[in-house]
Amino acid sequence: MKLGDRLRRTLGEATPEGTAPGSPLRDELERYGKLRERAAAAARGELGEAVSLAAVSDGGLIETPRGPAWVVDTRFELTHLHGTRRIGTFFDTELEHLPALVADERLHGRDARQALFLDIEATGLDHGAGTHAFLIGWGRLDGQELLVRQALLREPAEEEAVLQLLVDELERDPLLVSFNGKSYDLTVLQSRLVIQRFYHRTDCDLKLRPHLDLLHLGRNLHRGRFPDTRLGTLERQLLGFERIDDVPGHLVPSCWFHFLRSGDAGPLGGVLLHNLHDVVSMVTLAERLAHEALPLADPTRDAAVSANLARLLLRRGMPGPAREVLAPHTPHGLEPDGLRSLVTAARRSGDAAGYRAALETLVRAAPEDAAALGSLARLLARDADTLGRAVELAERAWKAHPSRVAARRLAMMRRRLAAASPPSPAEPEELTR
C-alpha cells in the first residue's frame, strides 16, 4: 500500500481493506477518523476563532493558599438516573462485605457516605515525574446531592493550586473509589504531590489510604462475560449508559496541549464531559458491583456472576459463602467453571456427600474433564462396591488426558479390582485332582 493510501486510511478517508461499506466496523472507524481529524485540526489551529474556557464550561476561579484554580462544579440530585441506575442508591449501600472480598482490611468500618470518587486526565500513560494530571475530577456526597468538582490546569503554574484543592479533600479522610486508580491515578498524583512539596516522598501516604478500585472488582465479577472490562464496556452492559460522541482517551492529552499552545478551549469541552461521565459512572457502578458481590444466595443474580464471585470467595478462603452463592443455580444452572468452584467449595468445607454430588454433576456436564474424572475415580475407589465404576472413570480420565500419573492410577485400580473379584469357576476335572 502506498504511503498516501496509508495516511488516508489512518485519517479515516479510505475504507480499510476487508471492511464492507456500511458495516459496524466501518462506521466505528469513520467516527474515530472524524474525531482524529478534529483533534488534528485543533492542533494545527484550523478550527477558526479560539473559544474561551468560560464558553465550554460553567466554571470559575477559586482562590487557594497556593494561588487561583479553575474549577467546574456540577451537582446532581440523588434521584438522578445515570443510565438505568439512581445515583443516590450507592450512599445507602452496605460495604461491610467488601474488605474480605477485595483483601483490603483498611476498608473495615468505612461508610459509603465517606466515599470520594476520583478520576484524572493526564498528559500520558507513563507513571513518571513528567506526567501531569491536568484535570482532576472527584465526586462526593454533599447534603442531598452528588457534587462533582473538576479542577483544571489552565497552565502548568497552577498545578499547586489544583493540588491544594485535592489535599483539602483528602484531609476529610475519605474512602477513595477509583477505576484503575491503584495502578495509575494515585501513582501520578502521588508523584505530583511530592514534586510540588506537599509531602516528603517518605511521608506521602496517598497509596496507603483506604481505596476501592472498581476495575479489579468488576474484572473479578464479570470475567468472561464481556469482550473486556473497561469502564465504557461496564457502563453499557451494567448501567445502561451509552456515551455519545465521547472523546477517545488517547486524544484527551492532545486537546489540552492544543489549549496550552493556542488558548482555544473548544476541544476541552469534550474532555470535561468525558471526565464528568467517568466520575458519575463510578458512583452507580460501585453500587451495582457492591450489590452483586454480596456473599449470599441470590437467585436474581446472573449465574455467571455467581460463579465468578464463588471463585473469588474461594481465593479469599471462604468456601462456605462460596457454596451459598452457588446454591440457587445448582445443579443445572451452572456452566462447568461454576461447577468446578462448587466442587472445590464442598471439598474445602469437608462435606463428603456434597463433594461427591458436585463431582457427579461436573462429570455429566463436562464428560471430557480429566481432572474431574480422576477425582471422582479416586473417591469411588475407596469403596469396594463402586470400584468397578472407579476403573471406568479412570479409563476415561486417561483417554481424555494421557499421562503417567493417570496410567499408574488406572493400573493400580485395575489390580485392586482383579484382586477383589471372586475366582472364576473351576473346571470339573480340576476339582477331582
Protein backbone atom coordinates (compact mmCIF):
# COMPACT_ATOMS: atom_id res chain seq x y z
CA MET A 1 0.00 0.00 0.00
CA LYS A 2 1.32 3.46 -0.92
CA LEU A 3 2.17 5.97 1.81
CA GLY A 4 -0.63 8.28 0.70
CA ASP A 5 -3.14 5.45 0.93
CA ARG A 6 -1.90 4.53 4.39
CA LEU A 7 -2.26 8.12 5.57
CA ARG A 8 -5.77 8.39 4.16
CA ARG A 9 -6.67 5.13 5.85
CA THR A 10 -5.27 6.38 9.17
CA LEU A 11 -7.29 9.60 8.90
CA GLY A 12 -10.46 7.69 8.12
CA GLU A 13 -10.68 8.80 4.50
CA ALA A 14 -10.39 5.34 2.97
CA THR A 15 -12.20 2.09 3.55
CA PRO A 16 -9.96 -0.36 5.45
CA GLU A 17 -9.20 -3.46 3.45
CA GLY A 18 -11.67 -6.23 4.13
CA THR A 19 -14.26 -3.85 5.62
CA ALA A 20 -17.60 -3.80 3.85
CA PRO A 21 -19.27 -0.42 3.28
CA GLY A 22 -21.94 0.19 5.89
CA SER A 23 -20.55 -2.39 8.33
CA PRO A 24 -20.45 -1.60 12.09
CA LEU A 25 -16.64 -1.70 11.98
CA ARG A 26 -16.56 0.81 9.13
CA ASP A 27 -18.99 3.11 10.96
CA GLU A 28 -16.85 2.95 14.10
CA LEU A 29 -13.67 3.66 12.15
CA GLU A 30 -15.30 6.59 10.39
CA ARG A 31 -16.38 8.06 13.73
CA TYR A 32 -12.88 7.79 15.15
CA GLY A 33 -11.49 9.16 11.90
CA LYS A 34 -13.62 12.27 12.24
CA LEU A 35 -12.51 12.72 15.84
CA ARG A 36 -8.88 12.38 14.77
CA GLU A 37 -9.43 15.00 12.08
CA ARG A 38 -10.96 17.38 14.61
CA ALA A 39 -8.07 16.87 17.01
CA ALA A 40 -5.53 17.28 14.20
CA ALA A 41 -7.29 20.44 13.01
CA ALA A 42 -7.23 21.77 16.55
CA ALA A 43 -3.51 21.07 16.80
CA ARG A 44 -2.94 22.99 13.54
CA GLY A 45 -5.13 25.87 14.69
CA GLU A 46 -7.63 25.36 11.87
CA LEU A 47 -10.82 25.47 13.92
CA GLY A 48 -11.38 29.18 13.46
CA GLU A 49 -11.55 31.65 16.33
CA ALA A 50 -10.40 30.50 19.74
CA VAL A 51 -13.14 29.51 22.18
CA SER A 52 -12.80 30.71 25.76
CA LEU A 53 -12.82 28.37 28.73
CA ALA A 54 -15.93 30.09 30.07
CA ALA A 55 -17.74 29.25 26.83
CA VAL A 56 -17.25 25.48 27.22
CA SER A 57 -17.88 25.19 30.98
CA ASP A 58 -19.72 26.84 33.84
CA GLY A 59 -16.52 27.08 35.84
CA GLY A 60 -14.76 29.86 37.62
CA LEU A 61 -11.74 30.71 39.73
CA ILE A 62 -11.32 29.66 43.35
CA GLU A 63 -8.60 31.21 45.47
CA THR A 64 -6.39 28.81 47.41
CA PRO A 65 -3.36 29.38 49.66
CA ARG A 66 -1.27 28.48 46.61
CA GLY A 67 -3.00 30.65 44.06
CA PRO A 68 -6.12 30.55 41.87
CA ALA A 69 -7.55 27.36 40.38
CA TRP A 70 -10.18 26.96 37.66
CA VAL A 71 -12.98 24.78 38.97
CA VAL A 72 -16.18 23.41 37.48
CA ASP A 73 -18.83 22.24 39.98
CA THR A 74 -21.72 20.05 38.84
CA ARG A 75 -24.47 18.93 41.19
CA PHE A 76 -26.86 16.02 40.77
CA GLU A 77 -29.98 15.21 42.75
CA LEU A 78 -29.71 11.79 44.38
CA THR A 79 -32.77 10.72 42.39
CA HIS A 80 -30.96 11.44 39.11
CA LEU A 81 -30.74 8.43 36.79
CA HIS A 82 -27.39 7.66 35.19
CA GLY A 83 -28.35 5.15 32.57
CA THR A 84 -30.85 2.95 34.37
CA ARG A 85 -29.49 3.37 37.90
CA ARG A 86 -30.19 6.01 40.52
CA ILE A 87 -27.15 7.93 41.72
CA GLY A 88 -28.16 8.12 45.37
CA THR A 89 -28.57 4.37 45.89
CA PHE A 90 -24.84 3.88 46.50
CA PHE A 91 -24.80 6.10 49.57
CA ASP A 92 -27.21 3.73 51.35
CA THR A 93 -25.24 0.63 50.35
CA GLU A 94 -23.60 -1.61 52.96
CA LEU A 95 -19.89 -2.16 52.36
CA GLU A 96 -19.01 -4.46 55.26
CA HIS A 97 -18.57 -7.48 52.99
CA LEU A 98 -16.01 -5.77 50.74
CA PRO A 99 -12.85 -5.73 52.94
CA ALA A 100 -12.58 -9.52 52.98
CA LEU A 101 -13.62 -9.81 49.36
CA VAL A 102 -11.04 -7.36 47.98
CA ALA A 103 -8.42 -8.34 50.60
CA ASP A 104 -8.06 -4.82 51.99
CA GLU A 105 -8.60 -4.54 55.74
CA ARG A 106 -8.34 -0.74 55.52
CA LEU A 107 -11.93 -0.70 54.26
CA HIS A 108 -13.28 -2.01 57.58
CA GLY A 109 -15.67 0.39 59.24
CA ARG A 110 -15.95 2.62 56.19
CA ASP A 111 -19.29 4.08 55.23
CA ALA A 112 -20.49 4.66 51.67
CA ARG A 113 -21.22 8.27 52.58
CA GLN A 114 -17.48 8.81 53.10
CA ALA A 115 -16.65 7.89 49.50
CA LEU A 116 -14.60 10.18 47.27
CA PHE A 117 -14.79 9.12 43.62
CA LEU A 118 -11.55 10.15 41.93
CA ASP A 119 -10.52 10.29 38.27
CA ILE A 120 -7.77 12.17 36.46
CA GLU A 121 -6.95 13.10 32.89
CA ALA A 122 -3.19 13.20 32.40
CA THR A 123 -0.64 14.03 29.73
CA GLY A 124 0.26 10.40 29.12
CA LEU A 125 0.05 6.84 30.36
CA ASP A 126 3.51 6.90 31.89
CA HIS A 127 3.74 6.97 35.69
CA GLY A 128 6.90 9.07 35.77
CA ALA A 129 7.53 12.53 37.14
CA GLY A 130 6.99 14.11 33.73
CA THR A 131 3.31 13.13 33.63
CA HIS A 132 0.93 15.90 34.71
CA ALA A 133 -2.66 15.44 35.86
CA PHE A 134 -4.10 18.44 34.03
CA LEU A 135 -7.69 17.65 35.07
CA ILE A 136 -8.64 16.15 38.42
CA GLY A 137 -12.27 15.22 38.95
CA TRP A 138 -13.80 13.98 42.17
CA GLY A 139 -17.31 13.36 43.40
CA ARG A 140 -18.72 13.11 46.90
CA LEU A 141 -21.96 13.36 48.81
CA ASP A 142 -22.80 16.95 49.71
CA GLY A 143 -26.02 17.16 51.68
CA GLN A 144 -28.72 15.65 49.50
CA GLU A 145 -26.73 15.98 46.28
CA LEU A 146 -23.77 14.46 44.50
CA LEU A 147 -21.17 17.17 44.00
CA VAL A 148 -18.67 16.61 41.20
CA ARG A 149 -15.78 19.06 41.21
CA GLN A 150 -13.34 19.26 38.30
CA ALA A 151 -10.12 21.23 38.77
CA LEU A 152 -8.40 22.15 35.51
CA LEU A 153 -4.87 23.39 34.87
CA ARG A 154 -5.08 26.46 32.67
CA GLU A 155 -1.29 26.47 32.73
CA PRO A 156 1.34 24.33 34.50
CA ALA A 157 1.99 27.11 37.02
CA GLU A 158 -1.47 26.50 38.52
CA GLU A 159 -0.68 22.91 39.48
CA GLU A 160 -0.01 23.78 43.11
CA ALA A 161 -3.41 25.44 43.47
CA VAL A 162 -5.20 22.48 41.88
CA LEU A 163 -3.36 20.00 44.09
CA GLN A 164 -4.20 22.13 47.14
CA LEU A 165 -7.89 21.59 46.44
CA LEU A 166 -7.28 17.84 46.27
CA VAL A 167 -5.30 17.88 49.52
CA ASP A 168 -8.18 19.70 51.21
CA GLU A 169 -10.50 16.87 50.16
CA LEU A 170 -8.04 14.22 51.33
CA GLU A 171 -7.94 15.80 54.79
CA ARG A 172 -11.52 14.60 55.23
CA ASP A 173 -10.02 11.06 55.35
CA PRO A 174 -12.38 9.73 52.69
CA LEU A 175 -12.82 6.26 51.27
CA LEU A 176 -11.18 6.58 47.87
CA VAL A 177 -13.02 4.96 44.97
CA SER A 178 -11.47 4.80 41.51
CA PHE A 179 -11.32 2.79 38.31
CA ASN A 180 -7.73 1.57 37.90
CA GLY A 181 -6.62 4.22 40.36
CA LYS A 182 -4.34 1.89 42.30
CA SER A 183 -2.18 1.37 39.25
CA TYR A 184 -2.45 4.77 37.58
CA ASP A 185 -4.31 7.74 39.08
CA LEU A 186 -2.84 7.56 42.57
CA THR A 187 0.66 6.90 41.23
CA VAL A 188 0.54 10.06 39.10
CA LEU A 189 -0.99 12.17 41.87
CA GLN A 190 1.46 10.95 44.48
CA SER A 191 4.38 11.89 42.23
CA ARG A 192 2.96 15.37 41.65
CA LEU A 193 2.27 15.92 45.36
CA VAL A 194 5.87 15.07 46.19
CA ILE A 195 7.30 17.19 43.35
CA GLN A 196 5.23 20.20 44.45
CA ARG A 197 6.41 19.62 48.04
CA PHE A 198 3.07 18.95 49.64
CA TYR A 199 4.67 15.87 51.17
CA HIS A 200 8.12 14.40 51.53
CA ARG A 201 8.46 11.26 49.45
CA THR A 202 8.75 9.16 52.62
CA ASP A 203 5.59 10.67 54.11
CA CYS A 204 3.19 10.69 51.15
CA ASP A 205 0.61 8.04 52.04
CA LEU A 206 -1.86 8.53 49.21
CA LYS A 207 -1.47 4.93 48.01
CA LEU A 208 -1.83 3.63 51.56
CA ARG A 209 -5.25 5.14 52.15
CA PRO A 210 -8.48 3.07 52.15
CA HIS A 211 -9.19 2.57 48.47
CA LEU A 212 -11.74 0.58 46.49
CA ASP A 213 -10.59 0.06 42.91
CA LEU A 214 -13.64 -0.84 40.83
CA LEU A 215 -11.56 -2.18 37.95
CA HIS A 216 -10.40 -5.18 39.98
CA LEU A 217 -13.80 -5.90 41.50
CA GLY A 218 -15.54 -5.54 38.13
CA ARG A 219 -12.98 -7.77 36.45
CA ASN A 220 -13.37 -10.47 39.10
CA LEU A 221 -17.18 -10.46 38.97
CA HIS A 222 -17.62 -10.20 35.20
CA ARG A 223 -14.63 -12.07 33.84
CA GLY A 224 -15.53 -13.81 30.59
CA ARG A 225 -18.97 -12.19 30.24
CA PHE A 226 -17.96 -9.27 28.02
CA PRO A 227 -15.17 -8.67 25.50
CA ASP A 228 -13.33 -6.61 28.14
CA THR A 229 -13.95 -4.91 31.47
CA ARG A 230 -13.12 -1.33 30.54
CA LEU A 231 -15.25 1.38 32.11
CA GLY A 232 -17.08 2.09 28.85
CA THR A 233 -17.99 -1.58 28.45
CA LEU A 234 -19.27 -1.90 32.01
CA GLU A 235 -21.26 1.32 31.56
CA ARG A 236 -23.11 -0.13 28.59
CA GLN A 237 -23.57 -3.63 29.92
CA LEU A 238 -24.31 -2.97 33.60
CA LEU A 239 -25.53 0.61 33.86
CA GLY A 240 -27.43 1.02 30.61
CA PHE A 241 -25.41 4.17 29.90
CA GLU A 242 -24.16 4.89 26.39
CA ARG A 243 -21.76 7.73 25.70
CA ILE A 244 -22.48 9.68 22.51
CA ASP A 245 -19.56 11.12 20.54
CA ASP A 246 -17.23 10.72 23.51
CA VAL A 247 -13.65 11.95 23.19
CA PRO A 248 -11.41 8.85 22.90
CA GLY A 249 -8.98 8.60 25.78
CA HIS A 250 -5.90 8.67 23.56
CA LEU A 251 -6.94 12.09 22.17
CA VAL A 252 -7.51 13.72 25.57
CA PRO A 253 -3.90 14.92 26.08
CA SER A 254 -3.83 16.46 22.59
CA CYS A 255 -6.86 18.60 23.43
CA TRP A 256 -5.11 20.05 26.47
CA PHE A 257 -1.82 20.65 24.65
CA HIS A 258 -3.76 22.49 21.94
CA PHE A 259 -5.32 24.69 24.64
CA LEU A 260 -1.88 25.48 26.08
CA ARG A 261 -0.50 26.44 22.68
CA SER A 262 -3.42 28.42 21.32
CA GLY A 263 -5.69 29.34 24.21
CA ASP A 264 -8.55 27.65 22.34
CA ALA A 265 -10.62 25.73 24.90
CA GLY A 266 -13.06 24.32 22.34
CA PRO A 267 -11.76 20.73 22.47
CA LEU A 268 -11.65 20.84 26.30
CA GLY A 269 -15.44 20.86 26.49
CA GLY A 270 -15.49 17.23 25.40
CA VAL A 271 -12.67 16.38 27.82
CA LEU A 272 -14.58 17.88 30.76
CA LEU A 273 -17.68 15.89 29.80
CA HIS A 274 -15.59 12.72 29.41
CA ASN A 275 -14.18 13.17 32.92
CA LEU A 276 -17.61 14.00 34.37
CA HIS A 277 -19.05 10.80 32.92
CA ASP A 278 -16.15 8.83 34.40
CA VAL A 279 -16.84 10.13 37.90
CA VAL A 280 -20.63 9.71 37.81
CA SER A 281 -20.36 6.25 36.28
CA MET A 282 -18.14 5.16 39.15
CA VAL A 283 -20.88 6.09 41.64
CA THR A 284 -23.51 3.88 40.03
CA LEU A 285 -21.02 1.15 39.12
CA ALA A 286 -19.86 0.95 42.74
CA GLU A 287 -23.45 0.39 43.87
CA ARG A 288 -24.04 -2.29 41.23
CA LEU A 289 -20.81 -4.18 41.99
CA ALA A 290 -21.24 -3.93 45.77
CA HIS A 291 -24.70 -5.47 45.45
CA GLU A 292 -23.51 -8.23 43.12
CA ALA A 293 -20.64 -9.03 45.48
CA LEU A 294 -22.86 -9.82 48.47
CA PRO A 295 -21.86 -13.36 49.55
CA LEU A 296 -25.46 -14.50 49.87
CA ALA A 297 -27.80 -16.76 47.92
CA ASP A 298 -29.44 -14.55 45.30
CA PRO A 299 -31.49 -16.27 42.58
CA THR A 300 -31.78 -12.97 40.67
CA ARG A 301 -28.02 -12.72 40.20
CA ASP A 302 -26.68 -13.97 36.87
CA ALA A 303 -25.30 -17.50 37.24
CA ALA A 304 -22.02 -16.49 35.58
CA VAL A 305 -21.58 -13.65 38.08
CA SER A 306 -22.30 -16.03 40.96
CA ALA A 307 -19.70 -18.45 39.58
CA ASN A 308 -17.12 -15.66 39.36
CA LEU A 309 -18.00 -14.48 42.87
CA ALA A 310 -17.66 -18.02 44.23
CA ARG A 311 -14.23 -18.30 42.62
CA LEU A 312 -13.21 -15.03 44.28
CA LEU A 313 -14.54 -16.19 47.66
CA LEU A 314 -12.54 -19.40 47.36
CA ARG A 315 -9.39 -17.37 46.69
CA ARG A 316 -10.14 -15.48 49.90
CA GLY A 317 -10.52 -18.72 51.86
CA MET A 318 -14.32 -18.63 52.26
CA PRO A 319 -15.73 -21.94 50.96
CA GLY A 320 -18.95 -21.68 52.98
CA PRO A 321 -20.10 -18.39 51.42
CA ALA A 322 -18.96 -19.69 48.03
CA ARG A 323 -21.37 -22.63 48.30
CA GLU A 324 -24.16 -20.32 49.45
CA VAL A 325 -23.63 -18.05 46.44
CA LEU A 326 -23.83 -21.03 44.06
CA ALA A 327 -26.79 -22.73 45.76
CA PRO A 328 -29.60 -21.01 43.79
CA HIS A 329 -28.03 -22.10 40.50
CA THR A 330 -27.26 -25.75 41.26
CA PRO A 331 -27.22 -28.28 39.86
CA HIS A 332 -28.32 -27.35 36.35
CA GLY A 333 -27.86 -23.58 36.19
CA LEU A 334 -24.06 -23.55 36.25
CA GLU A 335 -21.52 -23.88 33.50
CA PRO A 336 -18.57 -26.25 34.09
CA ASP A 337 -16.42 -23.47 35.56
CA GLY A 338 -19.07 -22.77 38.17
CA LEU A 339 -19.41 -26.46 38.93
CA ARG A 340 -15.65 -26.69 39.45
CA SER A 341 -15.92 -23.95 42.05
CA LEU A 342 -18.77 -25.86 43.69
CA VAL A 343 -16.58 -28.98 43.82
CA THR A 344 -13.73 -27.05 45.42
CA ALA A 345 -16.04 -25.35 47.92
CA ALA A 346 -17.60 -28.65 49.02
CA ARG A 347 -14.19 -30.30 49.40
CA ARG A 348 -12.77 -27.44 51.46
CA SER A 349 -15.90 -27.41 53.61
CA GLY A 350 -15.37 -31.07 54.48
CA ASP A 351 -18.76 -32.12 53.08
CA ALA A 352 -18.06 -35.58 51.63
CA ALA A 353 -21.59 -36.12 50.32
CA GLY A 354 -21.72 -32.66 48.78
CA TYR A 355 -18.28 -33.16 47.25
CA ARG A 356 -19.33 -36.42 45.58
CA ALA A 357 -22.61 -34.94 44.34
CA ALA A 358 -20.81 -31.92 42.88
CA LEU A 359 -18.27 -34.17 41.14
CA GLU A 360 -21.05 -36.33 39.67
CA THR A 361 -22.75 -33.20 38.30
CA LEU A 362 -19.49 -31.88 36.86
CA VAL A 363 -18.67 -35.18 35.16
CA ARG A 364 -22.09 -35.20 33.50
CA ALA A 365 -21.69 -31.57 32.38
CA ALA A 366 -18.08 -31.96 31.23
CA PRO A 367 -17.54 -35.63 30.29
CA GLU A 368 -14.02 -34.91 28.98
CA ASP A 369 -12.78 -33.15 32.13
CA ALA A 370 -9.84 -35.37 33.05
CA ALA A 371 -9.31 -33.74 36.45
CA ALA A 372 -12.94 -34.24 37.47
CA LEU A 373 -12.98 -37.82 36.18
CA GLY A 374 -9.79 -38.62 38.09
CA SER A 375 -11.06 -37.04 41.31
CA LEU A 376 -14.35 -38.94 41.18
CA ALA A 377 -12.49 -42.16 40.34
CA ARG A 378 -10.24 -41.79 43.40
CA LEU A 379 -13.27 -41.09 45.58
CA LEU A 380 -15.22 -44.12 44.36
CA ALA A 381 -12.17 -46.40 44.56
CA ARG A 382 -12.34 -46.20 48.36
CA ASP A 383 -15.46 -48.39 48.37
CA ALA A 384 -15.35 -51.93 47.02
CA ASP A 385 -18.95 -51.58 45.82
CA THR A 386 -18.03 -48.70 43.48
CA LEU A 387 -14.55 -49.89 42.50
CA GLY A 388 -15.75 -51.07 39.09
CA ARG A 389 -17.14 -47.64 38.23
CA ALA A 390 -13.94 -46.06 39.54
CA VAL A 391 -11.95 -48.09 36.99
CA GLU A 392 -14.31 -46.96 34.23
CA LEU A 393 -13.85 -43.30 35.23
CA ALA A 394 -10.08 -43.72 35.48
CA GLU A 395 -10.03 -45.12 31.94
CA ARG A 396 -11.99 -42.10 30.68
CA ALA A 397 -9.63 -39.75 32.51
CA TRP A 398 -6.59 -41.41 30.92
CA LYS A 399 -8.15 -41.23 27.45
CA ALA A 400 -9.09 -37.56 27.93
CA HIS A 401 -5.59 -36.63 29.08
CA PRO A 402 -2.98 -39.40 28.82
CA SER A 403 -0.25 -39.04 31.41
CA ARG A 404 1.99 -41.22 33.56
CA VAL A 405 0.00 -40.33 36.66
CA ALA A 406 -3.30 -41.28 35.02
CA ALA A 407 -1.78 -44.52 33.69
CA ARG A 408 -0.41 -45.52 37.11
CA ARG A 409 -3.73 -44.72 38.77
CA LEU A 410 -5.61 -46.81 36.21
CA ALA A 411 -3.22 -49.75 36.56
CA MET A 412 -3.48 -49.66 40.35
CA MET A 413 -7.28 -49.63 40.27
CA ARG A 414 -7.35 -52.50 37.79
CA ARG A 415 -5.13 -54.58 40.10
CA ARG A 416 -7.36 -53.80 43.07
CA LEU A 417 -10.45 -54.72 41.07
CA ALA A 418 -8.86 -58.00 39.93
CA ALA A 419 -7.84 -58.86 43.49
CA ALA A 420 -11.32 -58.10 44.79
CA SER A 421 -13.09 -60.15 42.11
CA PRO A 422 -14.10 -63.76 43.04
CA PRO A 423 -12.12 -66.53 41.25
CA SER A 424 -13.68 -67.90 38.08
CA PRO A 425 -15.50 -71.30 38.43
CA ALA A 426 -13.04 -74.21 38.13
CA GLU A 427 -13.40 -76.97 35.54
CA PRO A 428 -14.83 -80.30 36.88
CA GLU A 429 -11.62 -82.26 36.19
CA GLU A 430 -9.64 -79.73 38.17
CA LEU A 431 -11.86 -80.28 41.19
CA THR A 432 -11.07 -84.07 41.19
CA ARG A 433 -7.32 -83.65 41.32
